[in-house]
PDB file of N, CA and C in Angstrom:
ATOM      1  N   UNK A   1     130.984 -96.019 218.024  1.00  0.00           N
ATOM      2  CA  UNK A   1     130.553 -97.273 217.466  1.00  0.00           C
ATOM      3  C   UNK A   1     129.067 -97.204 217.196  1.00  0.00           C
ATOM      4  N   UNK A   2     128.579 -98.107 216.401  1.00  0.00           N
ATOM      5  CA  UNK A   2     127.161 -98.163 216.057  1.00  0.00           C
ATOM      6  C   UNK A   2     126.635 -99.531 216.475  1.00  0.00           C
ATOM      7  N   UNK A   3     125.597 -99.538 217.307  1.00  0.00           N
ATOM      8  CA  UNK A   3     124.972-100.790 217.765  1.00  0.00           C
ATOM      9  C   UNK A   3     123.534-100.498 218.151  1.00  0.00           C
ATOM     10  N   UNK A   4     122.674-101.471 217.924  1.00  0.00           N
ATOM     11  CA  UNK A   4     121.255-101.359 218.301  1.00  0.00           C
ATOM     12  C   UNK A   4     120.603-100.103 217.732  1.00  0.00           C
ATOM     13  N   UNK A   5     120.958 -99.770 216.497  1.00  0.00           N
ATOM     14  CA  UNK A   5     120.401 -98.642 215.761  1.00  0.00           C
ATOM     15  C   UNK A   5     120.693 -97.301 216.427  1.00  0.00           C
ATOM     16  N   UNK A   6     121.787 -97.213 217.165  1.00  0.00           N
ATOM     17  CA  UNK A   6     122.183 -95.966 217.827  1.00  0.00           C
ATOM     18  C   UNK A   6     123.687 -95.770 217.706  1.00  0.00           C
ATOM     19  N   UNK A   7     124.123 -94.523 217.926  1.00  0.00           N
ATOM     20  CA  UNK A   7     125.548 -94.231 217.972  1.00  0.00           C
ATOM     21  C   UNK A   7     125.985 -94.149 219.425  1.00  0.00           C
ATOM     22  N   UNK A   8     127.132 -94.738 219.705  1.00  0.00           N
ATOM     23  CA  UNK A   8     127.636 -94.819 221.075  1.00  0.00           C
ATOM     24  C   UNK A   8     129.093 -94.379 221.130  1.00  0.00           C
ATOM     25  N   UNK A   9     129.474 -93.883 222.284  1.00  0.00           N
ATOM     26  CA  UNK A   9     130.864 -93.589 222.585  1.00  0.00           C
ATOM     27  C   UNK A   9     131.368 -94.692 223.500  1.00  0.00           C
ATOM     28  N   UNK A  10     132.512 -95.276 223.166  1.00  0.00           N
ATOM     29  CA  UNK A  10     133.081 -96.324 224.011  1.00  0.00           C
ATOM     30  C   UNK A  10     133.720 -95.662 225.220  1.00  0.00           C
ATOM     31  N   UNK A  11     133.211 -96.006 226.394  1.00  0.00           N
ATOM     32  CA  UNK A  11     133.695 -95.429 227.646  1.00  0.00           C
ATOM     33  C   UNK A  11     134.787 -96.287 228.270  1.00  0.00           C
ATOM     34  N   UNK A  12     134.658 -97.605 228.122  1.00  0.00           N
ATOM     35  CA  UNK A  12     135.627 -98.512 228.734  1.00  0.00           C
ATOM     36  C   UNK A  12     135.511 -99.879 228.074  1.00  0.00           C
ATOM     37  N   UNK A  13     136.596-100.620 228.065  1.00  0.00           N
ATOM     38  CA  UNK A  13     136.601-101.999 227.569  1.00  0.00           C
ATOM     39  C   UNK A  13     137.247-102.864 228.638  1.00  0.00           C
ATOM     40  N   UNK A  14     136.505-103.897 229.056  1.00  0.00           N
ATOM     41  CA  UNK A  14     137.007-104.844 230.047  1.00  0.00           C
ATOM     42  C   UNK A  14     137.295-106.145 229.308  1.00  0.00           C
ATOM     43  N   UNK A  15     138.551-106.516 229.245  1.00  0.00           N
ATOM     44  CA  UNK A  15     138.953-107.714 228.504  1.00  0.00           C
ATOM     45  C   UNK A  15     138.390-108.964 229.146  1.00  0.00           C
ATOM     46  N   UNK A  16     137.954-109.887 228.292  1.00  0.00           N
ATOM     47  CA  UNK A  16     137.501-111.185 228.776  1.00  0.00           C
ATOM     48  C   UNK A  16     138.691-112.101 228.969  1.00  0.00           C
ATOM     49  N   UNK A  17     138.514-113.127 229.771  1.00  0.00           N
ATOM     50  CA  UNK A  17     139.593-114.090 229.984  1.00  0.00           C
ATOM     51  C   UNK A  17     139.351-115.302 229.097  1.00  0.00           C
ATOM     52  N   UNK A  18     140.405-115.796 228.470  1.00  0.00           N
ATOM     53  CA  UNK A  18     140.274-116.967 227.612  1.00  0.00           C
ATOM     54  C   UNK A  18     139.401-116.679 226.407  1.00  0.00           C
ATOM     55  N   UNK A  19     138.328-117.468 226.261  1.00  0.00           N
ATOM     56  CA  UNK A  19     137.411-117.311 225.131  1.00  0.00           C
ATOM     57  C   UNK A  19     136.258-116.362 225.429  1.00  0.00           C
ATOM     58  N   UNK A  20     136.238-115.718 226.592  1.00  0.00           N
ATOM     59  CA  UNK A  20     135.149-114.818 226.954  1.00  0.00           C
ATOM     60  C   UNK A  20     135.186-113.548 226.116  1.00  0.00           C
ATOM     61  N   UNK A  21     134.033-113.040 225.809  1.00  0.00           N
ATOM     62  CA  UNK A  21     133.905-111.804 225.038  1.00  0.00           C
ATOM     63  C   UNK A  21     134.271-110.609 225.904  1.00  0.00           C
ATOM     64  N   UNK A  22     134.935-109.617 225.322  1.00  0.00           N
ATOM     65  CA  UNK A  22     135.184-108.396 226.096  1.00  0.00           C
ATOM     66  C   UNK A  22     133.884-107.658 226.387  1.00  0.00           C
ATOM     67  N   UNK A  23     133.819-107.043 227.553  1.00  0.00           N
ATOM     68  CA  UNK A  23     132.681-106.225 227.949  1.00  0.00           C
ATOM     69  C   UNK A  23     132.990-104.787 227.539  1.00  0.00           C
ATOM     70  N   UNK A  24     132.098-104.194 226.756  1.00  0.00           N
ATOM     71  CA  UNK A  24     132.298-102.829 226.285  1.00  0.00           C
ATOM     72  C   UNK A  24     131.246-101.942 226.937  1.00  0.00           C
ATOM     73  N   UNK A  25     131.711-100.921 227.653  1.00  0.00           N
ATOM     74  CA  UNK A  25     130.817 -99.970 228.308  1.00  0.00           C
ATOM     75  C   UNK A  25     130.628 -98.779 227.370  1.00  0.00           C
ATOM     76  N   UNK A  26     129.357 -98.476 227.078  1.00  0.00           N
ATOM     77  CA  UNK A  26     129.017 -97.461 226.085  1.00  0.00           C
ATOM     78  C   UNK A  26     128.199 -96.335 226.693  1.00  0.00           C
ATOM     79  N   UNK A  27     128.264 -95.169 226.048  1.00  0.00           N
ATOM     80  CA  UNK A  27     127.443 -94.018 226.401  1.00  0.00           C
ATOM     81  C   UNK A  27     126.778 -93.549 225.111  1.00  0.00           C
ATOM     82  N   UNK A  28     125.462 -93.380 225.150  1.00  0.00           N
ATOM     83  CA  UNK A  28     124.688 -93.020 223.960  1.00  0.00           C
ATOM     84  C   UNK A  28     124.993 -91.589 223.512  1.00  0.00           C
ATOM     85  N   UNK A  29     125.140 -91.415 222.193  1.00  0.00           N
ATOM     86  CA  UNK A  29     125.381 -90.102 221.610  1.00  0.00           C
ATOM     87  C   UNK A  29     124.161 -89.539 220.898  1.00  0.00           C
ATOM     88  N   UNK A  30     123.110 -90.346 220.716  1.00  0.00           N
ATOM     89  CA  UNK A  30     121.921 -89.892 220.008  1.00  0.00           C
ATOM     90  C   UNK A  30     121.202 -88.815 220.811  1.00  0.00           C
ATOM     91  N   UNK A  31     120.609 -87.859 220.099  1.00  0.00           N
ATOM     92  CA  UNK A  31     120.004 -86.721 220.784  1.00  0.00           C
ATOM     93  C   UNK A  31     118.711 -87.054 221.514  1.00  0.00           C
ATOM     94  N   UNK A  32     118.101 -88.213 221.253  1.00  0.00           N
ATOM     95  CA  UNK A  32     116.879 -88.553 221.977  1.00  0.00           C
ATOM     96  C   UNK A  32     117.135 -89.368 223.236  1.00  0.00           C
ATOM     97  N   UNK A  33     118.372 -89.750 223.491  1.00  0.00           N
ATOM     98  CA  UNK A  33     118.708 -90.499 224.706  1.00  0.00           C
ATOM     99  C   UNK A  33     120.171 -90.264 225.093  1.00  0.00           C
ATOM    100  N   UNK A  34     120.611 -89.005 225.167  1.00  0.00           N
ATOM    101  CA  UNK A  34     122.023 -88.738 225.417  1.00  0.00           C
ATOM    102  C   UNK A  34     122.452 -89.164 226.816  1.00  0.00           C
ATOM    103  N   UNK A  35     123.639 -89.742 226.891  1.00  0.00           N
ATOM    104  CA  UNK A  35     124.195 -90.113 228.182  1.00  0.00           C
ATOM    105  C   UNK A  35     123.760 -91.457 228.717  1.00  0.00           C
ATOM    106  N   UNK A  36     122.806 -92.109 228.058  1.00  0.00           N
ATOM    107  CA  UNK A  36     122.358 -93.435 228.521  1.00  0.00           C
ATOM    108  C   UNK A  36     123.528 -94.403 228.447  1.00  0.00           C
ATOM    109  N   UNK A  37     123.698 -95.180 229.485  1.00  0.00           N
ATOM    110  CA  UNK A  37     124.810 -96.129 229.542  1.00  0.00           C
ATOM    111  C   UNK A  37     124.326 -97.527 229.202  1.00  0.00           C
ATOM    112  N   UNK A  38     125.202 -98.280 228.548  1.00  0.00           N
ATOM    113  CA  UNK A  38     124.884 -99.637 228.137  1.00  0.00           C
ATOM    114  C   UNK A  38     126.156-100.458 228.156  1.00  0.00           C
ATOM    115  N   UNK A  39     126.068-101.663 228.694  1.00  0.00           N
ATOM    116  CA  UNK A  39     127.173-102.613 228.663  1.00  0.00           C
ATOM    117  C   UNK A  39     126.828-103.723 227.690  1.00  0.00           C
ATOM    118  N   UNK A  40     127.739-104.044 226.767  1.00  0.00           N
ATOM    119  CA  UNK A  40     127.501-105.118 225.805  1.00  0.00           C
ATOM    120  C   UNK A  40     128.685-106.069 225.788  1.00  0.00           C
ATOM    121  N   UNK A  41     128.396-107.316 225.489  1.00  0.00           N
ATOM    122  CA  UNK A  41     129.442-108.295 225.240  1.00  0.00           C
ATOM    123  C   UNK A  41     129.744-108.220 223.748  1.00  0.00           C
ATOM    124  N   UNK A  42     130.908-107.718 223.398  1.00  0.00           N
ATOM    125  CA  UNK A  42     131.234-107.365 222.026  1.00  0.00           C
ATOM    126  C   UNK A  42     131.039-108.527 221.045  1.00  0.00           C
ATOM    127  N   UNK A  43     131.523-109.700 221.358  1.00  0.00           N
ATOM    128  CA  UNK A  43     131.437-110.832 220.434  1.00  0.00           C
ATOM    129  C   UNK A  43     130.010-111.342 220.252  1.00  0.00           C
ATOM    130  N   UNK A  44     129.113-111.009 221.151  1.00  0.00           N
ATOM    131  CA  UNK A  44     127.740-111.488 221.073  1.00  0.00           C
ATOM    132  C   UNK A  44     126.777-110.433 220.540  1.00  0.00           C
ATOM    133  N   UNK A  45     127.236-109.216 220.353  1.00  0.00           N
ATOM    134  CA  UNK A  45     126.376-108.118 219.906  1.00  0.00           C
ATOM    135  C   UNK A  45     126.198-108.192 218.386  1.00  0.00           C
ATOM    136  N   UNK A  46     124.958-108.413 217.953  1.00  0.00           N
ATOM    137  CA  UNK A  46     124.665-108.551 216.526  1.00  0.00           C
ATOM    138  C   UNK A  46     124.688-107.195 215.823  1.00  0.00           C
ATOM    139  N   UNK A  47     125.386-107.119 214.721  1.00  0.00           N
ATOM    140  CA  UNK A  47     125.392-105.918 213.895  1.00  0.00           C
ATOM    141  C   UNK A  47     126.201-104.752 214.427  1.00  0.00           C
ATOM    142  N   UNK A  48     126.911-104.921 215.501  1.00  0.00           N
ATOM    143  CA  UNK A  48     127.710-103.820 216.048  1.00  0.00           C
ATOM    144  C   UNK A  48     128.929-103.593 215.159  1.00  0.00           C
ATOM    145  N   UNK A  49     129.267-102.327 214.989  1.00  0.00           N
ATOM    146  CA  UNK A  49     130.456-102.018 214.187  1.00  0.00           C
ATOM    147  C   UNK A  49     131.146-100.779 214.744  1.00  0.00           C
ATOM    148  N   UNK A  50     132.425-100.732 214.548  1.00  0.00           N
ATOM    149  CA  UNK A  50     133.226 -99.595 214.985  1.00  0.00           C
ATOM    150  C   UNK A  50     133.162 -98.536 213.892  1.00  0.00           C
ATOM    151  N   UNK A  51     132.934 -97.299 214.298  1.00  0.00           N
ATOM    152  CA  UNK A  51     132.904 -96.177 213.362  1.00  0.00           C
ATOM    153  C   UNK A  51     134.186 -95.382 213.577  1.00  0.00           C
ATOM    154  N   UNK A  52     135.056 -95.413 212.595  1.00  0.00           N
ATOM    155  CA  UNK A  52     136.321 -94.686 212.680  1.00  0.00           C
ATOM    156  C   UNK A  52     136.097 -93.229 212.281  1.00  0.00           C
ATOM    157  N   UNK A  53     136.446 -92.274 213.131  1.00  0.00           N
ATOM    158  CA  UNK A  53     136.240 -90.857 212.794  1.00  0.00           C
ATOM    159  C   UNK A  53     136.951 -90.449 211.507  1.00  0.00           C
ATOM    160  N   UNK A  54     138.099 -91.053 211.219  1.00  0.00           N
ATOM    161  CA  UNK A  54     138.856 -90.669 210.029  1.00  0.00           C
ATOM    162  C   UNK A  54     138.109 -91.024 208.746  1.00  0.00           C
ATOM    163  N   UNK A  55     137.370 -92.139 208.754  1.00  0.00           N
ATOM    164  CA  UNK A  55     136.690 -92.581 207.544  1.00  0.00           C
ATOM    165  C   UNK A  55     135.214 -92.210 207.517  1.00  0.00           C
ATOM    166  N   UNK A  56     134.598 -91.968 208.673  1.00  0.00           N
ATOM    167  CA  UNK A  56     133.177 -91.648 208.735  1.00  0.00           C
ATOM    168  C   UNK A  56     132.914 -90.275 209.333  1.00  0.00           C
ATOM    169  N   UNK A  57     133.922 -89.455 209.392  1.00  0.00           N
ATOM    170  CA  UNK A  57     133.763 -88.132 209.995  1.00  0.00           C
ATOM    171  C   UNK A  57     133.207 -87.122 209.011  1.00  0.00           C
ATOM    172  N   UNK A  58     133.386 -85.880 209.325  1.00  0.00           N
ATOM    173  CA  UNK A  58     132.875 -84.803 208.496  1.00  0.00           C
ATOM    174  C   UNK A  58     133.812 -84.451 207.356  1.00  0.00           C
ATOM    175  N   UNK A  59     134.998 -85.018 207.341  1.00  0.00           N
ATOM    176  CA  UNK A  59     135.954 -84.725 206.276  1.00  0.00           C
ATOM    177  C   UNK A  59     136.801 -83.511 206.601  1.00  0.00           C
ATOM    178  N   UNK A  60     137.542 -83.083 205.619  1.00  0.00           N
ATOM    179  CA  UNK A  60     138.425 -81.934 205.776  1.00  0.00           C
ATOM    180  C   UNK A  60     137.635 -80.636 205.653  1.00  0.00           C
ATOM    181  N   UNK A  61     138.007 -79.675 206.448  1.00  0.00           N
ATOM    182  CA  UNK A  61     137.351 -78.371 206.395  1.00  0.00           C
ATOM    183  C   UNK A  61     138.264 -77.405 205.652  1.00  0.00           C
ATOM    184  N   UNK A  62     137.766 -76.844 204.557  1.00  0.00           N
ATOM    185  CA  UNK A  62     138.577 -75.907 203.781  1.00  0.00           C
ATOM    186  C   UNK A  62     138.418 -74.472 204.282  1.00  0.00           C
ATOM    187  N   UNK A  63     137.327 -74.215 205.025  1.00  0.00           N
ATOM    188  CA  UNK A  63     137.089 -72.869 205.548  1.00  0.00           C
ATOM    189  C   UNK A  63     136.173 -72.960 206.763  1.00  0.00           C
ATOM    190  N   UNK A  64     136.104 -71.891 207.523  1.00  0.00           N
ATOM    191  CA  UNK A  64     135.194 -71.814 208.662  1.00  0.00           C
ATOM    192  C   UNK A  64     133.843 -71.297 208.192  1.00  0.00           C
ATOM    193  N   UNK A  65     132.784 -71.786 208.811  1.00  0.00           N
ATOM    194  CA  UNK A  65     131.449 -71.274 208.507  1.00  0.00           C
ATOM    195  C   UNK A  65     131.292 -69.876 209.090  1.00  0.00           C
ATOM    196  N   UNK A  66     130.435 -69.060 208.470  1.00  0.00           N
ATOM    197  CA  UNK A  66     130.176 -67.731 209.047  1.00  0.00           C
ATOM    198  C   UNK A  66     129.449 -67.864 210.382  1.00  0.00           C
ATOM    199  N   UNK A  67     129.588 -66.883 211.264  1.00  0.00           N
ATOM    200  CA  UNK A  67     128.950 -66.952 212.587  1.00  0.00           C
ATOM    201  C   UNK A  67     127.443 -67.168 212.534  1.00  0.00           C
ATOM    202  N   UNK A  68     126.772 -66.679 211.496  1.00  0.00           N
ATOM    203  CA  UNK A  68     125.317 -66.866 211.416  1.00  0.00           C
ATOM    204  C   UNK A  68     124.955 -68.341 211.295  1.00  0.00           C
ATOM    205  N   UNK A  69     125.795 -69.138 210.637  1.00  0.00           N
ATOM    206  CA  UNK A  69     125.534 -70.581 210.540  1.00  0.00           C
ATOM    207  C   UNK A  69     125.681 -71.239 211.908  1.00  0.00           C
ATOM    208  N   UNK A  70     126.698 -70.832 212.649  1.00  0.00           N
ATOM    209  CA  UNK A  70     126.895 -71.389 213.995  1.00  0.00           C
ATOM    210  C   UNK A  70     125.736 -71.007 214.899  1.00  0.00           C
ATOM    211  N   UNK A  71     125.239 -69.764 214.747  1.00  0.00           N
ATOM    212  CA  UNK A  71     124.099 -69.318 215.543  1.00  0.00           C
ATOM    213  C   UNK A  71     122.849 -70.113 215.220  1.00  0.00           C
ATOM    214  N   UNK A  72     122.624 -70.399 213.944  1.00  0.00           N
ATOM    215  CA  UNK A  72     121.459 -71.198 213.546  1.00  0.00           C
ATOM    216  C   UNK A  72     121.559 -72.607 214.124  1.00  0.00           C
ATOM    217  N   UNK A  73     122.752 -73.163 214.119  1.00  0.00           N
ATOM    218  CA  UNK A  73     122.950 -74.499 214.685  1.00  0.00           C
ATOM    219  C   UNK A  73     122.676 -74.485 216.191  1.00  0.00           C
ATOM    220  N   UNK A  74     123.166 -73.472 216.875  1.00  0.00           N
ATOM    221  CA  UNK A  74     122.936 -73.350 218.309  1.00  0.00           C
ATOM    222  C   UNK A  74     121.444 -73.237 218.622  1.00  0.00           C
ATOM    223  N   UNK A  75     120.716 -72.442 217.843  1.00  0.00           N
ATOM    224  CA  UNK A  75     119.275 -72.314 218.062  1.00  0.00           C
ATOM    225  C   UNK A  75     118.559 -73.637 217.814  1.00  0.00           C
ATOM    226  N   UNK A  76     118.976 -74.372 216.802  1.00  0.00           N
ATOM    227  CA  UNK A  76     118.371 -75.681 216.531  1.00  0.00           C
ATOM    228  C   UNK A  76     118.603 -76.630 217.700  1.00  0.00           C
ATOM    229  N   UNK A  77     119.801 -76.610 218.287  1.00  0.00           N
ATOM    230  CA  UNK A  77     120.080 -77.457 219.450  1.00  0.00           C
ATOM    231  C   UNK A  77     119.211 -77.065 220.640  1.00  0.00           C
ATOM    232  N   UNK A  78     119.043 -75.762 220.850  1.00  0.00           N
ATOM    233  CA  UNK A  78     118.211 -75.295 221.963  1.00  0.00           C
ATOM    234  C   UNK A  78     116.760 -75.745 221.776  1.00  0.00           C
ATOM    235  N   UNK A  79     116.232 -75.616 220.570  1.00  0.00           N
ATOM    236  CA  UNK A  79     114.848 -76.015 220.314  1.00  0.00           C
ATOM    237  C   UNK A  79     114.672 -77.508 220.493  1.00  0.00           C
ATOM    238  N   UNK A  80     115.648 -78.306 220.051  1.00  0.00           N
ATOM    239  CA  UNK A  80     115.502 -79.755 220.218  1.00  0.00           C
ATOM    240  C   UNK A  80     115.583 -80.130 221.691  1.00  0.00           C
ATOM    241  N   UNK A  81     116.371 -79.388 222.473  1.00  0.00           N
ATOM    242  CA  UNK A  81     116.444 -79.655 223.913  1.00  0.00           C
ATOM    243  C   UNK A  81     115.117 -79.334 224.581  1.00  0.00           C
ATOM    244  N   UNK A  82     114.462 -78.255 224.160  1.00  0.00           N
ATOM    245  CA  UNK A  82     113.168 -77.882 224.728  1.00  0.00           C
ATOM    246  C   UNK A  82     112.130 -78.930 224.385  1.00  0.00           C
ATOM    247  N   UNK A  83     112.118 -79.389 223.138  1.00  0.00           N
ATOM    248  CA  UNK A  83     111.094 -80.349 222.709  1.00  0.00           C
ATOM    249  C   UNK A  83     111.319 -81.725 223.317  1.00  0.00           C
ATOM    250  N   UNK A  84     112.546 -82.037 223.691  1.00  0.00           N
ATOM    251  CA  UNK A  84     112.830 -83.342 224.270  1.00  0.00           C
ATOM    252  C   UNK A  84     112.703 -83.337 225.791  1.00  0.00           C
ATOM    253  N   UNK A  85     112.351 -82.199 226.384  1.00  0.00           N
ATOM    254  CA  UNK A  85     112.315 -82.086 227.837  1.00  0.00           C
ATOM    255  C   UNK A  85     111.242 -82.961 228.470  1.00  0.00           C
ATOM    256  N   UNK A  86     110.106 -83.119 227.816  1.00  0.00           N
ATOM    257  CA  UNK A  86     109.023 -83.898 228.384  1.00  0.00           C
ATOM    258  C   UNK A  86     108.545 -84.907 227.341  1.00  0.00           C
ATOM    259  N   UNK A  87     109.062 -86.119 227.401  1.00  0.00           N
ATOM    260  CA  UNK A  87     108.758 -87.141 226.403  1.00  0.00           C
ATOM    261  C   UNK A  87     107.340 -87.682 226.523  1.00  0.00           C
ATOM    262  N   UNK A  88     106.646 -87.369 227.616  1.00  0.00           N
ATOM    263  CA  UNK A  88     105.293 -87.899 227.794  1.00  0.00           C
ATOM    264  C   UNK A  88     104.238 -87.037 227.108  1.00  0.00           C
ATOM    265  N   UNK A  89     104.616 -85.873 226.645  1.00  0.00           N
ATOM    266  CA  UNK A  89     103.657 -84.967 226.006  1.00  0.00           C
ATOM    267  C   UNK A  89     103.753 -85.090 224.498  1.00  0.00           C
ATOM    268  N   UNK A  90     102.603 -85.034 223.850  1.00  0.00           N
ATOM    269  CA  UNK A  90     102.555 -85.028 222.398  1.00  0.00           C
ATOM    270  C   UNK A  90     102.960 -83.652 221.900  1.00  0.00           C
ATOM    271  N   UNK A  91     103.857 -83.605 220.921  1.00  0.00           N
ATOM    272  CA  UNK A  91     104.326 -82.333 220.415  1.00  0.00           C
ATOM    273  C   UNK A  91     104.325 -82.365 218.894  1.00  0.00           C
ATOM    274  N   UNK A  92     103.783 -81.341 218.285  1.00  0.00           N
ATOM    275  CA  UNK A  92     103.790 -81.264 216.829  1.00  0.00           C
ATOM    276  C   UNK A  92     105.169 -80.829 216.356  1.00  0.00           C
ATOM    277  N   UNK A  93     105.552 -81.195 215.131  1.00  0.00           N
ATOM    278  CA  UNK A  93     106.912 -80.886 214.674  1.00  0.00           C
ATOM    279  C   UNK A  93     107.211 -79.398 214.550  1.00  0.00           C
ATOM    280  N   UNK A  94     106.209 -78.565 214.265  1.00  0.00           N
ATOM    281  CA  UNK A  94     106.478 -77.148 214.078  1.00  0.00           C
ATOM    282  C   UNK A  94     106.288 -76.335 215.347  1.00  0.00           C
ATOM    283  N   UNK A  95     105.697 -76.919 216.369  1.00  0.00           N
ATOM    284  CA  UNK A  95     105.441 -76.185 217.596  1.00  0.00           C
ATOM    285  C   UNK A  95     106.051 -76.888 218.800  1.00  0.00           C
ATOM    286  N   UNK A  96     107.022 -77.758 218.562  1.00  0.00           N
ATOM    287  CA  UNK A  96     107.570 -78.585 219.622  1.00  0.00           C
ATOM    288  C   UNK A  96     108.249 -77.768 220.707  1.00  0.00           C
ATOM    289  N   UNK A  97     108.824 -76.636 220.366  1.00  0.00           N
ATOM    290  CA  UNK A  97     109.524 -75.844 221.356  1.00  0.00           C
ATOM    291  C   UNK A  97     108.661 -74.811 222.044  1.00  0.00           C
ATOM    292  N   UNK A  98     107.420 -74.706 221.661  1.00  0.00           N
ATOM    293  CA  UNK A  98     106.550 -73.688 222.236  1.00  0.00           C
ATOM    294  C   UNK A  98     106.011 -74.161 223.580  1.00  0.00           C
ATOM    295  N   UNK A  99     106.113 -73.313 224.569  1.00  0.00           N
ATOM    296  CA  UNK A  99     105.607 -73.653 225.904  1.00  0.00           C
ATOM    297  C   UNK A  99     104.137 -73.278 225.984  1.00  0.00           C
ATOM    298  N   UNK A 100     103.308 -74.233 226.319  1.00  0.00           N
ATOM    299  CA  UNK A 100     101.886 -73.988 226.496  1.00  0.00           C
ATOM    300  C   UNK A 100     101.528 -74.387 227.910  1.00  0.00           C
ATOM    301  N   UNK A 101     101.159 -73.441 228.794  1.00  0.00           N
ATOM    302  CA  UNK A 101     100.836 -73.805 230.180  1.00  0.00           C
ATOM    303  C   UNK A 101      99.618 -74.708 230.247  1.00  0.00           C
ATOM    304  N   UNK A 102      99.635 -75.631 231.168  1.00  0.00           N
ATOM    305  CA  UNK A 102      98.536 -76.595 231.307  1.00  0.00           C
ATOM    306  C   UNK A 102      97.343 -75.985 232.009  1.00  0.00           C
TER     307      UNK A 102
END
């Protein structure tokens, strides 16, 4: 689902009684805050929408990518993990993964 300008995975839904809004337990999927948990009252959440994988997914795959593409993707994930390790430090976009001892 998409809410509060982020993508979330629905972890659990607790039904409300009567006219009460259901409580939706979410886990953040965005790479700058992965795993963050959030509880929202579905009927009161402004702009929230369900993202259906069938209609908003990657589509049909006609072939597999070559291994070099998968390797490049893996390296990009590793570099983003390194650059996101310390959010209190200023990091330039081209040197974000470089370790500089203090």
